[in-house]
C-alpha atoms as a PDB file:
ATOM      1  CA  UNK A   1     -24.811  -5.919  -3.788  1.00  0.00           C
ATOM      2  CA  UNK A   2     -24.809  -4.359  -7.255  1.00  0.00           C
ATOM      3  CA  UNK A   3     -24.241  -0.897  -5.775  1.00  0.00           C
ATOM      4  CA  UNK A   4     -21.272  -2.110  -3.722  1.00  0.00           C
ATOM      5  CA  UNK A   5     -19.707  -3.878  -6.726  1.00  0.00           C
ATOM      6  CA  UNK A   6     -20.064  -0.718  -8.821  1.00  0.00           C
ATOM      7  CA  UNK A   7     -18.414   1.432  -6.184  1.00  0.00           C
ATOM      8  CA  UNK A   8     -15.557  -1.030  -5.740  1.00  0.00           C
ATOM      9  CA  UNK A   9     -15.002  -1.009  -9.493  1.00  0.00           C
ATOM     10  CA  UNK A  10     -14.776   2.779  -9.429  1.00  0.00           C
ATOM     11  CA  UNK A  11     -12.136   2.676  -6.716  1.00  0.00           C
ATOM     12  CA  UNK A  12     -10.050   0.158  -8.633  1.00  0.00           C
ATOM     13  CA  UNK A  13     -10.344   1.948 -11.980  1.00  0.00           C
ATOM     14  CA  UNK A  14      -9.354   5.383 -10.669  1.00  0.00           C
ATOM     15  CA  UNK A  15      -5.697   5.351  -9.654  1.00  0.00           C
ATOM     16  CA  UNK A  16      -4.264   7.128  -6.618  1.00  0.00           C
ATOM     17  CA  UNK A  17      -7.591   7.241  -4.733  1.00  0.00           C
ATOM     18  CA  UNK A  18      -5.839   7.435  -1.346  1.00  0.00           C
ATOM     19  CA  UNK A  19      -4.560  10.891  -2.278  1.00  0.00           C
ATOM     20  CA  UNK A  20      -7.997  12.295  -3.083  1.00  0.00           C
ATOM     21  CA  UNK A  21      -9.153  14.884  -0.505  1.00  0.00           C
ATOM     22  CA  UNK A  22     -12.716  13.860   0.329  1.00  0.00           C
ATOM     23  CA  UNK A  23     -13.045  16.450   3.092  1.00  0.00           C
ATOM     24  CA  UNK A  24     -12.379  19.589   1.088  1.00  0.00           C
ATOM     25  CA  UNK A  25     -15.582  21.356   2.183  1.00  0.00           C
ATOM     26  CA  UNK A  26     -16.680  21.288  -1.442  1.00  0.00           C
ATOM     27  CA  UNK A  27     -17.918  18.867  -4.097  1.00  0.00           C
ATOM     28  CA  UNK A  28     -15.650  16.004  -3.030  1.00  0.00           C
ATOM     29  CA  UNK A  29     -16.989  16.086   0.503  1.00  0.00           C
ATOM     30  CA  UNK A  30     -20.561  16.378  -0.732  1.00  0.00           C
ATOM     31  CA  UNK A  31     -20.020  13.244  -2.814  1.00  0.00           C
ATOM     32  CA  UNK A  32     -18.572  11.460   0.214  1.00  0.00           C
ATOM     33  CA  UNK A  33     -21.662  12.318   2.281  1.00  0.00           C
ATOM     34  CA  UNK A  34     -23.925  11.108  -0.532  1.00  0.00           C
ATOM     35  CA  UNK A  35     -22.093   7.784  -0.449  1.00  0.00           C
ATOM     36  CA  UNK A  36     -22.623   7.543   3.301  1.00  0.00           C
ATOM     37  CA  UNK A  37     -26.330   8.228   2.948  1.00  0.00           C
ATOM     38  CA  UNK A  38     -26.691   5.563   0.255  1.00  0.00           C
ATOM     39  CA  UNK A  39     -24.972   3.051   2.536  1.00  0.00           C
ATOM     40  CA  UNK A  40     -27.260   3.891   5.464  1.00  0.00           C
ATOM     41  CA  UNK A  41     -30.317   3.350   3.299  1.00  0.00           C
ATOM     42  CA  UNK A  42     -28.986  -0.005   2.083  1.00  0.00           C
ATOM     43  CA  UNK A  43     -28.063  -1.059   5.626  1.00  0.00           C
ATOM     44  CA  UNK A  44     -31.617  -0.356   6.787  1.00  0.00           C
ATOM     45  CA  UNK A  45     -33.113  -2.257   3.854  1.00  0.00           C
ATOM     46  CA  UNK A  46     -30.936  -5.315   4.492  1.00  0.00           C
ATOM     47  CA  UNK A  47     -31.713  -5.263   8.213  1.00  0.00           C
ATOM     48  CA  UNK A  48     -35.453  -5.155   7.515  1.00  0.00           C
ATOM     49  CA  UNK A  49     -35.114  -8.005   5.004  1.00  0.00           C
ATOM     50  CA  UNK A  50     -33.244 -10.089   7.553  1.00  0.00           C
ATOM     51  CA  UNK A  51     -35.746  -9.331  10.309  1.00  0.00           C
ATOM     52  CA  UNK A  52     -38.640 -10.350   8.074  1.00  0.00           C
ATOM     53  CA  UNK A  53     -36.894 -13.613   7.255  1.00  0.00           C
ATOM     54  CA  UNK A  54     -36.370 -14.325  10.952  1.00  0.00           C
ATOM     55  CA  UNK A  55     -40.007 -13.606  11.807  1.00  0.00           C
ATOM     56  CA  UNK A  56     -41.127 -15.989   9.060  1.00  0.00           C
ATOM     57  CA  UNK A  57     -39.410 -19.010  10.629  1.00  0.00           C
ATOM     58  CA  UNK A  58     -41.542 -21.809  12.121  1.00  0.00           C
ATOM     59  CA  UNK A  59     -41.372 -23.915  15.285  1.00  0.00           C
ATOM     60  CA  UNK A  60     -39.802 -26.694  13.217  1.00  0.00           C
ATOM     61  CA  UNK A  61     -37.033 -24.302  12.205  1.00  0.00           C
ATOM     62  CA  UNK A  62     -36.418 -23.529  15.878  1.00  0.00           C
ATOM     63  CA  UNK A  63     -36.302 -27.206  16.793  1.00  0.00           C
ATOM     64  CA  UNK A  64     -33.783 -27.891  14.041  1.00  0.00           C
ATOM     65  CA  UNK A  65     -31.524 -24.987  15.056  1.00  0.00           C
ATOM     66  CA  UNK A  66     -31.856 -25.897  18.737  1.00  0.00           C
ATOM     67  CA  UNK A  67     -30.624 -29.412  18.064  1.00  0.00           C
ATOM     68  CA  UNK A  68     -27.693 -28.187  16.003  1.00  0.00           C
ATOM     69  CA  UNK A  69     -26.644 -25.335  18.297  1.00  0.00           C
ATOM     70  CA  UNK A  70     -27.202 -27.367  21.458  1.00  0.00           C
ATOM     71  CA  UNK A  71     -25.087 -30.261  20.277  1.00  0.00           C
ATOM     72  CA  UNK A  72     -22.295 -27.970  19.033  1.00  0.00           C
ATOM     73  CA  UNK A  73     -22.196 -25.936  22.253  1.00  0.00           C
ATOM     74  CA  UNK A  74     -22.344 -29.064  24.407  1.00  0.00           C
ATOM     75  CA  UNK A  75     -19.612 -30.754  22.397  1.00  0.00           C
ATOM     76  CA  UNK A  76     -17.317 -27.746  22.787  1.00  0.00           C
ATOM     77  CA  UNK A  77     -17.861 -27.659  26.550  1.00  0.00           C
ATOM     78  CA  UNK A  78     -17.372 -31.412  26.995  1.00  0.00           C
ATOM     79  CA  UNK A  79     -14.359 -31.467  24.708  1.00  0.00           C
ATOM     80  CA  UNK A  80     -12.593 -28.803  26.747  1.00  0.00           C
ATOM     81  CA  UNK A  81     -13.094 -30.730  29.996  1.00  0.00           C
ATOM     82  CA  UNK A  82     -12.145 -34.086  28.479  1.00  0.00           C
ATOM     83  CA  UNK A  83      -9.081 -32.699  26.725  1.00  0.00           C
ATOM     84  CA  UNK A  84      -7.651 -31.360  29.972  1.00  0.00           C
ATOM     85  CA  UNK A  85      -8.064 -34.710  31.701  1.00  0.00           C
ATOM     86  CA  UNK A  86      -6.557 -36.672  28.836  1.00  0.00           C
ATOM     87  CA  UNK A  87      -3.658 -34.285  28.320  1.00  0.00           C
ATOM     88  CA  UNK A  88      -2.436 -34.582  31.887  1.00  0.00           C
ATOM     89  CA  UNK A  89      -2.407 -38.377  31.770  1.00  0.00           C
ATOM     90  CA  UNK A  90      -0.757 -38.458  28.381  1.00  0.00           C
ATOM     91  CA  UNK A  91       1.950 -35.973  29.367  1.00  0.00           C
ATOM     92  CA  UNK A  92       2.908 -38.083  32.362  1.00  0.00           C
ATOM     93  CA  UNK A  93       3.172 -41.300  30.349  1.00  0.00           C
ATOM     94  CA  UNK A  94       4.979 -39.606  27.481  1.00  0.00           C
ATOM     95  CA  UNK A  95       7.514 -37.958  29.761  1.00  0.00           C
ATOM     96  CA  UNK A  96       8.513 -41.297  31.239  1.00  0.00           C
ATOM     97  CA  UNK A  97       8.859 -42.869  27.792  1.00  0.00           C
ATOM     98  CA  UNK A  98      10.931 -40.009  26.393  1.00  0.00           C
ATOM     99  CA  UNK A  99      13.325 -39.996  29.323  1.00  0.00           C
ATOM    100  CA  UNK A 100      14.080 -43.688  28.874  1.00  0.00           C
ATOM    101  CA  UNK A 101      14.547 -43.623  25.075  1.00  0.00           C
ATOM    102  CA  UNK A 102      18.119 -44.890  24.413  1.00  0.00           C
ATOM    103  CA  UNK A 103      18.329 -43.255  20.976  1.00  0.00           C
ATOM    104  CA  UNK A 104      18.118 -39.687  22.292  1.00  0.00           C
ATOM    105  CA  UNK A 105      21.834 -39.254  23.078  1.00  0.00           C
ATOM    106  CA  UNK A 106      23.153 -40.993  19.982  1.00  0.00           C
ATOM    107  CA  UNK A 107      20.848 -38.950  17.734  1.00  0.00           C
ATOM    108  CA  UNK A 108      21.848 -35.722  19.466  1.00  0.00           C
ATOM    109  CA  UNK A 109      25.559 -36.458  19.175  1.00  0.00           C
ATOM    110  CA  UNK A 110      25.269 -37.306  15.493  1.00  0.00           C
ATOM    111  CA  UNK A 111      23.293 -34.177  14.686  1.00  0.00           C
ATOM    112  CA  UNK A 112      25.527 -31.988  16.858  1.00  0.00           C
ATOM    113  CA  UNK A 113      28.679 -33.184  15.155  1.00  0.00           C
ATOM    114  CA  UNK A 114      27.281 -32.540  11.681  1.00  0.00           C
ATOM    115  CA  UNK A 115      25.940 -29.122  12.644  1.00  0.00           C
ATOM    116  CA  UNK A 116      29.179 -28.053  14.331  1.00  0.00           C
ATOM    117  CA  UNK A 117      31.277 -29.001  11.320  1.00  0.00           C
ATOM    118  CA  UNK A 118      28.869 -27.286   8.927  1.00  0.00           C
ATOM    119  CA  UNK A 119      28.663 -24.084  10.983  1.00  0.00           C
ATOM    120  CA  UNK A 120      32.451 -23.915  11.367  1.00  0.00           C
ATOM    121  CA  UNK A 121      32.874 -24.150   7.609  1.00  0.00           C
ATOM    122  CA  UNK A 122      30.158 -21.585   6.909  1.00  0.00           C
ATOM    123  CA  UNK A 123      31.454 -19.108   9.485  1.00  0.00           C
ATOM    124  CA  UNK A 124      35.028 -19.298   8.221  1.00  0.00           C
ATOM    125  CA  UNK A 125      33.803 -19.155   4.621  1.00  0.00           C
ATOM    126  CA  UNK A 126      31.901 -15.940   5.397  1.00  0.00           C
ATOM    127  CA  UNK A 127      34.976 -14.415   7.026  1.00  0.00           C
ATOM    128  CA  UNK A 128      37.146 -15.322   4.042  1.00  0.00           C
ATOM    129  CA  UNK A 129      34.545 -14.071   1.596  1.00  0.00           C
ATOM    130  CA  UNK A 130      34.354 -10.705   3.353  1.00  0.00           C
ATOM    131  CA  UNK A 131      38.112 -10.290   3.241  1.00  0.00           C
ATOM    132  CA  UNK A 132      38.302 -11.435  -0.375  1.00  0.00           C
ATOM    133  CA  UNK A 133      35.485  -9.159  -1.489  1.00  0.00           C
ATOM    134  CA  UNK A 134      37.217  -6.087  -0.125  1.00  0.00           C
ATOM    135  CA  UNK A 135      40.555  -6.964  -1.655  1.00  0.00           C
ATOM    136  CA  UNK A 136      38.995  -7.887  -4.994  1.00  0.00           C
ATOM    137  CA  UNK A 137      36.896  -4.735  -5.148  1.00  0.00           C
ATOM    138  CA  UNK A 138      39.891  -2.487  -4.651  1.00  0.00           C
ATOM    139  CA  UNK A 139      41.847  -4.240  -7.362  1.00  0.00           C
ATOM    140  CA  UNK A 140      38.909  -4.299  -9.769  1.00  0.00           C
ATOM    141  CA  UNK A 141      38.117  -0.633  -9.236  1.00  0.00           C
ATOM    142  CA  UNK A 142      41.644   0.396 -10.149  1.00  0.00           C
ATOM    143  CA  UNK A 143      41.579  -1.689 -13.315  1.00  0.00           C
ATOM    144  CA  UNK A 144      38.100  -0.443 -14.266  1.00  0.00           C
ATOM    145  CA  UNK A 145      38.937   3.203 -13.662  1.00  0.00           C
ATOM    146  CA  UNK A 146      41.794   2.897 -16.141  1.00  0.00           C
ATOM    147  CA  UNK A 147      39.241   2.545 -18.953  1.00  0.00           C
ATOM    148  CA  UNK A 148      37.482   5.872 -18.223  1.00  0.00           C
ATOM    149  CA  UNK A 149      37.439   8.924 -20.491  1.00  0.00           C
ATOM    150  CA  UNK A 150      36.154  11.251 -17.748  1.00  0.00           C
ATOM    151  CA  UNK A 151      32.526  11.663 -18.882  1.00  0.00           C
ATOM    152  CA  UNK A 152      29.328  10.540 -17.176  1.00  0.00           C
ATOM    153  CA  UNK A 153      25.658  11.576 -17.315  1.00  0.00           C
ATOM    154  CA  UNK A 154      22.424  10.346 -15.696  1.00  0.00           C
ATOM    155  CA  UNK A 155      19.033  11.485 -17.051  1.00  0.00           C
ATOM    156  CA  UNK A 156      16.177  12.385 -14.653  1.00  0.00           C
ATOM    157  CA  UNK A 157      12.646  10.898 -14.628  1.00  0.00           C
ATOM    158  CA  UNK A 158       9.340  12.795 -14.929  1.00  0.00           C
ATOM    159  CA  UNK A 159       6.834  12.664 -12.038  1.00  0.00           C
ATOM    160  CA  UNK A 160       3.159  12.037 -12.581  1.00  0.00           C
ATOM    161  CA  UNK A 161       0.451  14.270 -11.098  1.00  0.00           C
ATOM    162  CA  UNK A 162      -2.483  12.739  -9.164  1.00  0.00           C
ATOM    163  CA  UNK A 163      -6.098  13.774  -9.957  1.00  0.00           C
ATOM    164  CA  UNK A 164      -9.145  14.095  -7.601  1.00  0.00           C
ATOM    165  CA  UNK A 165     -12.524  12.581  -8.502  1.00  0.00           C
ATOM    166  CA  UNK A 166     -15.932  12.957  -6.898  1.00  0.00           C
ATOM    167  CA  UNK A 167     -16.791   9.356  -7.803  1.00  0.00           C
ATOM    168  CA  UNK A 168     -13.909   8.114  -5.696  1.00  0.00           C
ATOM    169  CA  UNK A 169     -15.133  10.049  -2.673  1.00  0.00           C
ATOM    170  CA  UNK A 170     -18.696   8.796  -3.124  1.00  0.00           C
ATOM    171  CA  UNK A 171     -17.408   5.222  -3.208  1.00  0.00           C
ATOM    172  CA  UNK A 172     -15.240   5.764  -0.161  1.00  0.00           C
ATOM    173  CA  UNK A 173     -18.127   7.261   1.781  1.00  0.00           C
ATOM    174  CA  UNK A 174     -20.262   4.231   0.941  1.00  0.00           C
ATOM    175  CA  UNK A 175     -17.564   1.775   1.997  1.00  0.00           C
ATOM    176  CA  UNK A 176     -16.892   3.606   5.260  1.00  0.00           C
ATOM    177  CA  UNK A 177     -20.567   3.380   6.278  1.00  0.00           C
ATOM    178  CA  UNK A 178     -21.700   0.056   4.819  1.00  0.00           C
ATOM    179  CA  UNK A 179     -22.647  -2.616   7.378  1.00  0.00           C
ATOM    180  CA  UNK A 180     -21.910  -6.012   5.808  1.00  0.00           C
ATOM    181  CA  UNK A 181     -23.662  -7.707   8.750  1.00  0.00           C
ATOM    182  CA  UNK A 182     -26.922  -5.781   8.423  1.00  0.00           C
ATOM    183  CA  UNK A 183     -28.945  -8.722   7.100  1.00  0.00           C
ATOM    184  CA  UNK A 184     -27.517 -11.127   9.692  1.00  0.00           C
ATOM    185  CA  UNK A 185     -28.290  -8.650  12.489  1.00  0.00           C
ATOM    186  CA  UNK A 186     -31.860  -8.272  11.265  1.00  0.00           C
ATOM    187  CA  UNK A 187     -32.247 -12.037  10.942  1.00  0.00           C
ATOM    188  CA  UNK A 188     -31.104 -12.561  14.536  1.00  0.00           C
ATOM    189  CA  UNK A 189     -33.536  -9.897  15.722  1.00  0.00           C
ATOM    190  CA  UNK A 190     -36.386 -11.541  13.826  1.00  0.00           C
ATOM    191  CA  UNK A 191     -35.641 -14.929  15.398  1.00  0.00           C
ATOM    192  CA  UNK A 192     -35.483 -13.358  18.850  1.00  0.00           C
ATOM    193  CA  UNK A 193     -38.929 -11.823  18.409  1.00  0.00           C
ATOM    194  CA  UNK A 194     -40.475 -14.944  16.853  1.00  0.00           C
ATOM    195  CA  UNK A 195     -42.367 -16.890  19.599  1.00  0.00           C
ATOM    196  CA  UNK A 196     -42.895 -20.054  17.520  1.00  0.00           C
ATOM    197  CA  UNK A 197     -39.222 -20.257  16.629  1.00  0.00           C
ATOM    198  CA  UNK A 198     -38.137 -19.644  20.229  1.00  0.00           C
ATOM    199  CA  UNK A 199     -40.491 -22.326  21.552  1.00  0.00           C
ATOM    200  CA  UNK A 200     -39.075 -24.929  19.191  1.00  0.00           C
ATOM    201  CA  UNK A 201     -35.487 -23.863  19.897  1.00  0.00           C
ATOM    202  CA  UNK A 202     -35.952 -24.084  23.661  1.00  0.00           C
ATOM    203  CA  UNK A 203     -37.512 -27.531  23.417  1.00  0.00           C
ATOM    204  CA  UNK A 204     -34.526 -29.181  21.730  1.00  0.00           C
ATOM    205  CA  UNK A 205     -31.450 -27.209  22.834  1.00  0.00           C
ATOM    206  CA  UNK A 206     -30.980 -28.630  26.375  1.00  0.00           C
ATOM    207  CA  UNK A 207     -31.282 -32.267  25.304  1.00  0.00           C
ATOM    208  CA  UNK A 208     -28.897 -31.775  22.407  1.00  0.00           C
ATOM    209  CA  UNK A 209     -26.440 -29.949  24.695  1.00  0.00           C
ATOM    210  CA  UNK A 210     -26.257 -32.936  27.035  1.00  0.00           C
ATOM    211  CA  UNK A 211     -25.686 -35.360  24.144  1.00  0.00           C
ATOM    212  CA  UNK A 212     -22.993 -33.129  22.669  1.00  0.00           C
ATOM    213  CA  UNK A 213     -21.222 -32.723  26.020  1.00  0.00           C
ATOM    214  CA  UNK A 214     -20.941 -36.481  26.495  1.00  0.00           C
ATOM    215  CA  UNK A 215     -19.545 -37.068  23.026  1.00  0.00           C
ATOM    216  CA  UNK A 216     -17.270 -34.056  23.297  1.00  0.00           C
ATOM    217  CA  UNK A 217     -15.782 -35.272  26.583  1.00  0.00           C
ATOM    218  CA  UNK A 218     -14.925 -38.680  25.146  1.00  0.00           C
ATOM    219  CA  UNK A 219     -13.391 -37.196  22.000  1.00  0.00           C
ATOM    220  CA  UNK A 220     -11.483 -34.537  23.921  1.00  0.00           C
ATOM    221  CA  UNK A 221     -10.065 -37.050  26.403  1.00  0.00           C
ATOM    222  CA  UNK A 222      -8.705 -39.258  23.623  1.00  0.00           C
ATOM    223  CA  UNK A 223      -7.188 -36.386  21.639  1.00  0.00           C
ATOM    224  CA  UNK A 224      -5.870 -34.726  24.783  1.00  0.00           C
ATOM    225  CA  UNK A 225      -4.066 -37.915  25.800  1.00  0.00           C
ATOM    226  CA  UNK A 226      -2.398 -38.196  22.385  1.00  0.00           C
ATOM    227  CA  UNK A 227      -1.267 -34.568  22.423  1.00  0.00           C
ATOM    228  CA  UNK A 228      -0.104 -34.763  26.027  1.00  0.00           C
ATOM    229  CA  UNK A 229       1.860 -37.934  25.374  1.00  0.00           C
ATOM    230  CA  UNK A 230       3.571 -36.384  22.348  1.00  0.00           C
ATOM    231  CA  UNK A 231       4.486 -33.201  24.242  1.00  0.00           C
ATOM    232  CA  UNK A 232       5.674 -35.062  27.347  1.00  0.00           C
ATOM    233  CA  UNK A 233       7.771 -37.442  25.288  1.00  0.00           C
ATOM    234  CA  UNK A 234       9.325 -34.628  23.243  1.00  0.00           C
ATOM    235  CA  UNK A 235      10.231 -32.601  26.332  1.00  0.00           C
ATOM    236  CA  UNK A 236      12.003 -35.461  28.108  1.00  0.00           C
ATOM    237  CA  UNK A 237      13.640 -36.724  24.930  1.00  0.00           C
ATOM    238  CA  UNK A 238      14.994 -33.235  24.239  1.00  0.00           C
ATOM    239  CA  UNK A 239      16.833 -33.060  27.554  1.00  0.00           C
ATOM    240  CA  UNK A 240      19.094 -36.003  26.685  1.00  0.00           C
ATOM    241  CA  UNK A 241      19.276 -35.070  23.005  1.00  0.00           C
ATOM    242  CA  UNK A 242      20.330 -31.469  23.675  1.00  0.00           C
ATOM    243  CA  UNK A 243      23.023 -32.439  26.163  1.00  0.00           C
ATOM    244  CA  UNK A 244      24.718 -34.800  23.724  1.00  0.00           C
ATOM    245  CA  UNK A 245      24.168 -32.415  20.825  1.00  0.00           C
ATOM    246  CA  UNK A 246      25.971 -29.566  22.596  1.00  0.00           C
ATOM    247  CA  UNK A 247      29.002 -31.678  23.500  1.00  0.00           C
ATOM    248  CA  UNK A 248      29.443 -33.050  19.991  1.00  0.00           C
ATOM    249  CA  UNK A 249      28.805 -29.664  18.388  1.00  0.00           C
ATOM    250  CA  UNK A 250      31.618 -27.943  20.257  1.00  0.00           C
ATOM    251  CA  UNK A 251      34.165 -30.610  19.422  1.00  0.00           C
ATOM    252  CA  UNK A 252      33.219 -30.708  15.749  1.00  0.00           C
ATOM    253  CA  UNK A 253      33.211 -26.919  15.436  1.00  0.00           C
ATOM    254  CA  UNK A 254      36.684 -26.627  16.895  1.00  0.00           C
ATOM    255  CA  UNK A 255      37.970 -29.381  14.612  1.00  0.00           C
ATOM    256  CA  UNK A 256      36.611 -27.733  11.457  1.00  0.00           C
ATOM    257  CA  UNK A 257      37.421 -24.146  12.402  1.00  0.00           C
ATOM    258  CA  UNK A 258      38.908 -22.217   9.477  1.00  0.00           C
ATOM    259  CA  UNK A 259      38.124 -24.927   6.913  1.00  0.00           C
ATOM    260  CA  UNK A 260      36.083 -22.607   4.716  1.00  0.00           C
ATOM    261  CA  UNK A 261      38.272 -19.498   4.801  1.00  0.00           C
ATOM    262  CA  UNK A 262      40.296 -20.092   1.631  1.00  0.00           C
ATOM    263  CA  UNK A 263      37.300 -21.087  -0.568  1.00  0.00           C
ATOM    264  CA  UNK A 264      35.394 -18.103   0.784  1.00  0.00           C
ATOM    265  CA  UNK A 265      38.287 -15.734   0.113  1.00  0.00           C
ATOM    266  CA  UNK A 266      38.595 -16.932  -3.483  1.00  0.00           C
ATOM    267  CA  UNK A 267      34.860 -16.552  -4.125  1.00  0.00           C
ATOM    268  CA  UNK A 268      34.761 -13.126  -2.493  1.00  0.00           C
ATOM    269  CA  UNK A 269      37.777 -11.891  -4.423  1.00  0.00           C
ATOM    270  CA  UNK A 270      36.209 -12.866  -7.751  1.00  0.00           C
ATOM    271  CA  UNK A 271      32.885 -11.242  -6.935  1.00  0.00           C
ATOM    272  CA  UNK A 272      34.497  -8.145  -5.431  1.00  0.00           C
ATOM    273  CA  UNK A 273      36.796  -7.681  -8.400  1.00  0.00           C
ATOM    274  CA  UNK A 274      33.851  -7.785 -10.791  1.00  0.00           C
ATOM    275  CA  UNK A 275      31.903  -5.197  -8.787  1.00  0.00           C
ATOM    276  CA  UNK A 276      34.917  -2.978  -8.342  1.00  0.00           C
ATOM    277  CA  UNK A 277      35.790  -3.108 -12.030  1.00  0.00           C
ATOM    278  CA  UNK A 278      32.207  -2.194 -12.971  1.00  0.00           C
ATOM    279  CA  UNK A 279      32.131   0.757 -10.568  1.00  0.00           C
ATOM    280  CA  UNK A 280      35.537   1.936 -11.643  1.00  0.00           C
ATOM    281  CA  UNK A 281      34.651   1.727 -15.332  1.00  0.00           C
ATOM    282  CA  UNK A 282      31.457   3.774 -14.789  1.00  0.00           C
ATOM    283  CA  UNK A 283      33.705   6.843 -14.569  1.00  0.00           C
ATOM    284  CA  UNK A 284      31.691   8.558 -11.812  1.00  0.00           C
END
């Protein structure tokens, strides 16, 4: 862990590391290979540590893990089956309720009217603003250009050079080869080869799986029904809502068409004039 932290710190502290050539056939590449070798050695050490820890487990450890894993796996299986059953029933009931909701059309018409009026204003405002911006810019540019004396100059900026460091390549080689799951892989291997642990695990897993499946089915069926009802209701409700929304939207949009053009033109002209004046006065 300390080695990895040190190498990460090196990468952060040395800027531009992505531009370092770690495959130059020379010292940079040699450093990269050294980093890889260090990572392989650490991977092997962590795997062996994990394997030893797995082999040291007892039958009681296996029984405990078997109960936990069995219940979790059984719950997941039962939940999936129960959820499907509950969802279908809920969707059917929710669909019927949504289709008969009397507020769907009135809500859709109200929202459609407001949205149509708002969109009509915004669309006409945008059109007016575009026209005003162009007209204002032209006028502002002429007025700004009148202030020029004919001179203009822009200085350039220096560019920084990137450096190459062997430490960066060593760190990158380590990172490219490090196995962050080495201990966990060794631990799993140790448990697999541990007869006492396996005997305890096998004794409790099946019973716990059955218990978990029963509880999972009940939970899944309840949650599935709720989700199905909500989705079924929303789908049916939306049919009536959308139909009334569309009708009200069109009428409101037509009634408010062009309402935002003049305010948009005025705003665009002011903004365009300012930009045009600035560009004209820059004398370029």
